[in-house]
Amino acid sequence: MALADTAIDEPAEAGAVAIYKRIFKEVLESRPSGMRLRLAHAMGKNRSFVSQISNPAYPVPIPVQHLNTIFDVCHFPPQAKAAFLRAYARAHPRRVGRLTEGSHERTLTLHLPDLGSTKRNAELDALLQEFARRLIAIMREK
């Protein structure tokens, strides 16, 4: 593909990305407060990451590996999910096939004691998330 062709395609892709991000943002805004934080925890990311991938003004695409988690945690209504997937497929035709590949993630909620310190609580949360990621990686190797 020529450099000129790439420059022509970038605004089109950015517009297509904005379309599915608008749908995502509408679903997020219709959910109870704290949903961005809950979603960030489920994806193992920061809340700012969720804000960035849900903002149509940013052309950064939503990584395909997070879509099933987004659908599960945000409880996408069937019509919104179908519209989102159509828009996502238009924006990223090669990525959509990866939605059905591999294993899907699920969310597990743990109730932990408050350690009395924001820093210590965050350290425990990070430790448990890292432990789960490493354990899953080991289990997938076999």
Protein backbone atom coordinates (compact mmCIF):
# COMPACT_ATOMS: atom_id res chain seq x y z
CA MET A 1 0.00 0.00 0.00
CA ALA A 2 1.32 3.42 -0.93
CA LEU A 3 1.92 6.10 1.68
CA ALA A 4 -0.84 8.24 0.13
CA ASP A 5 -3.30 5.34 0.45
CA THR A 6 -2.46 4.99 4.15
CA ALA A 7 -3.12 8.69 4.74
CA ILE A 8 -6.51 8.40 3.06
CA ASP A 9 -7.49 5.33 5.11
CA GLU A 10 -6.51 6.74 8.53
CA PRO A 11 -9.39 9.27 8.84
CA ALA A 12 -11.87 6.64 7.64
CA GLU A 13 -10.64 4.17 10.26
CA ALA A 14 -10.68 6.85 12.96
CA GLY A 15 -14.30 7.63 12.07
CA ALA A 16 -15.23 3.95 12.18
CA VAL A 17 -13.52 3.59 15.56
CA ALA A 18 -15.46 6.59 16.88
CA ILE A 19 -18.74 4.94 15.89
CA TYR A 20 -18.26 1.83 18.02
CA LYS A 21 -16.75 3.88 20.84
CA ARG A 22 -19.92 6.01 20.94
CA ILE A 23 -21.99 2.86 21.43
CA PHE A 24 -19.64 1.70 24.18
CA LYS A 25 -19.76 5.10 25.86
CA GLU A 26 -23.58 5.14 25.79
CA VAL A 27 -23.72 1.72 27.44
CA LEU A 28 -21.17 2.76 30.08
CA GLU A 29 -23.06 5.95 30.87
CA SER A 30 -26.30 4.00 31.33
CA ARG A 31 -24.70 1.81 34.00
CA PRO A 32 -24.29 2.58 37.71
CA SER A 33 -21.38 4.67 38.89
CA GLY A 34 -18.21 2.71 39.44
CA MET A 35 -18.59 0.70 36.23
CA ARG A 36 -15.37 2.08 34.70
CA LEU A 37 -13.42 1.03 37.78
CA ARG A 38 -15.08 -2.40 37.85
CA LEU A 39 -14.28 -2.86 34.17
CA ALA A 40 -10.69 -1.71 34.66
CA HIS A 41 -10.21 -4.29 37.40
CA ALA A 42 -11.72 -7.05 35.26
CA MET A 43 -9.32 -6.21 32.42
CA GLY A 44 -6.32 -5.75 34.71
CA LYS A 45 -5.96 -2.13 33.59
CA ASN A 46 -6.22 1.37 35.06
CA ARG A 47 -9.46 3.34 35.06
CA SER A 48 -7.81 5.84 32.70
CA PHE A 49 -7.42 3.05 30.12
CA VAL A 50 -11.19 2.47 30.20
CA SER A 51 -11.80 6.20 29.85
CA GLN A 52 -9.48 6.32 26.84
CA ILE A 53 -10.98 3.32 25.02
CA SER A 54 -14.51 4.59 25.63
CA ASN A 55 -13.86 8.13 24.40
CA PRO A 56 -14.79 8.59 20.70
CA ALA A 57 -12.43 11.57 20.49
CA TYR A 58 -9.41 9.25 20.86
CA PRO A 59 -8.65 7.16 17.76
CA VAL A 60 -7.07 4.39 19.86
CA PRO A 61 -8.94 1.16 19.03
CA ILE A 62 -10.31 -1.17 21.67
CA PRO A 63 -8.08 -4.27 21.76
CA VAL A 64 -10.06 -7.33 20.61
CA GLN A 65 -8.95 -9.40 23.62
CA HIS A 66 -10.94 -7.08 25.91
CA LEU A 67 -14.25 -7.19 24.03
CA ASN A 68 -15.76 -10.23 25.74
CA THR A 69 -14.83 -8.83 29.15
CA ILE A 70 -16.44 -5.51 28.21
CA PHE A 71 -19.63 -7.26 27.06
CA ASP A 72 -19.82 -9.37 30.22
CA VAL A 73 -18.99 -6.72 32.81
CA CYS A 74 -21.06 -3.92 31.23
CA HIS A 75 -24.01 -6.23 30.46
CA PHE A 76 -24.38 -4.94 26.89
CA PRO A 77 -28.01 -5.10 25.74
CA PRO A 78 -28.32 -7.45 22.72
CA GLN A 79 -29.13 -4.64 20.27
CA ALA A 80 -26.23 -2.49 21.47
CA LYS A 81 -23.86 -5.47 21.28
CA ALA A 82 -24.95 -6.27 17.72
CA ALA A 83 -24.56 -2.61 16.64
CA PHE A 84 -21.16 -2.44 18.37
CA LEU A 85 -19.92 -5.61 16.64
CA ARG A 86 -21.10 -4.38 13.22
CA ALA A 87 -19.24 -1.09 13.73
CA TYR A 88 -16.18 -2.89 15.11
CA ALA A 89 -16.14 -5.23 12.09
CA ARG A 90 -16.26 -2.24 9.72
CA ALA A 91 -13.38 -0.58 11.55
CA HIS A 92 -11.27 -3.72 12.00
CA PRO A 93 -12.32 -6.44 9.54
CA ARG A 94 -9.34 -8.70 10.34
CA ARG A 95 -9.76 -8.56 14.12
CA VAL A 96 -13.38 -9.69 14.44
CA GLY A 97 -12.55 -13.31 13.63
CA ARG A 98 -10.37 -13.39 16.74
CA LEU A 99 -13.44 -12.92 18.96
CA THR A 100 -14.33 -16.58 18.63
CA GLU A 101 -10.74 -17.83 18.86
CA GLY A 102 -9.21 -19.01 22.07
CA SER A 103 -10.67 -19.03 25.51
CA HIS A 104 -12.94 -16.37 26.89
CA GLU A 105 -12.38 -14.66 30.19
CA ARG A 106 -14.67 -14.58 33.14
CA THR A 107 -14.76 -12.39 36.20
CA LEU A 108 -14.32 -13.59 39.77
CA THR A 109 -14.99 -11.25 42.65
CA LEU A 110 -13.03 -11.74 45.85
CA HIS A 111 -13.97 -10.20 49.17
CA LEU A 112 -10.81 -9.16 50.99
CA PRO A 113 -10.21 -7.47 54.32
CA ASP A 114 -9.45 -3.77 54.35
CA LEU A 115 -5.83 -3.51 55.42
CA GLY A 116 -6.30 0.01 56.71
CA SER A 117 -4.12 1.64 54.08
CA THR A 118 -4.86 2.56 50.49
CA LYS A 119 -1.30 1.66 49.56
CA ARG A 120 -1.41 -1.76 51.24
CA ASN A 121 -4.83 -2.51 49.71
CA ALA A 122 -3.51 -1.62 46.24
CA GLU A 123 -0.43 -3.80 46.80
CA LEU A 124 -2.60 -6.77 47.77
CA ASP A 125 -4.87 -6.23 44.74
CA ALA A 126 -1.87 -6.05 42.39
CA LEU A 127 -0.30 -9.13 43.98
CA LEU A 128 -3.46 -11.21 43.52
CA GLN A 129 -3.94 -10.03 39.93
CA GLU A 130 -0.34 -10.86 39.05
CA PHE A 131 -0.64 -14.25 40.78
CA ALA A 132 -3.75 -15.07 38.73
CA ARG A 133 -2.08 -14.00 35.45
CA ARG A 134 1.01 -16.12 36.16
CA LEU A 135 -0.99 -19.14 37.28
CA ILE A 136 -3.13 -18.99 34.13
CA ALA A 137 -0.02 -18.72 31.96
CA ILE A 138 1.43 -21.83 33.62
CA MET A 139 -1.84 -23.73 33.20
CA ARG A 140 -2.07 -22.82 29.51
CA GLU A 141 1.45 -24.17 28.85
CA LYS A 142 0.37 -27.75 29.61
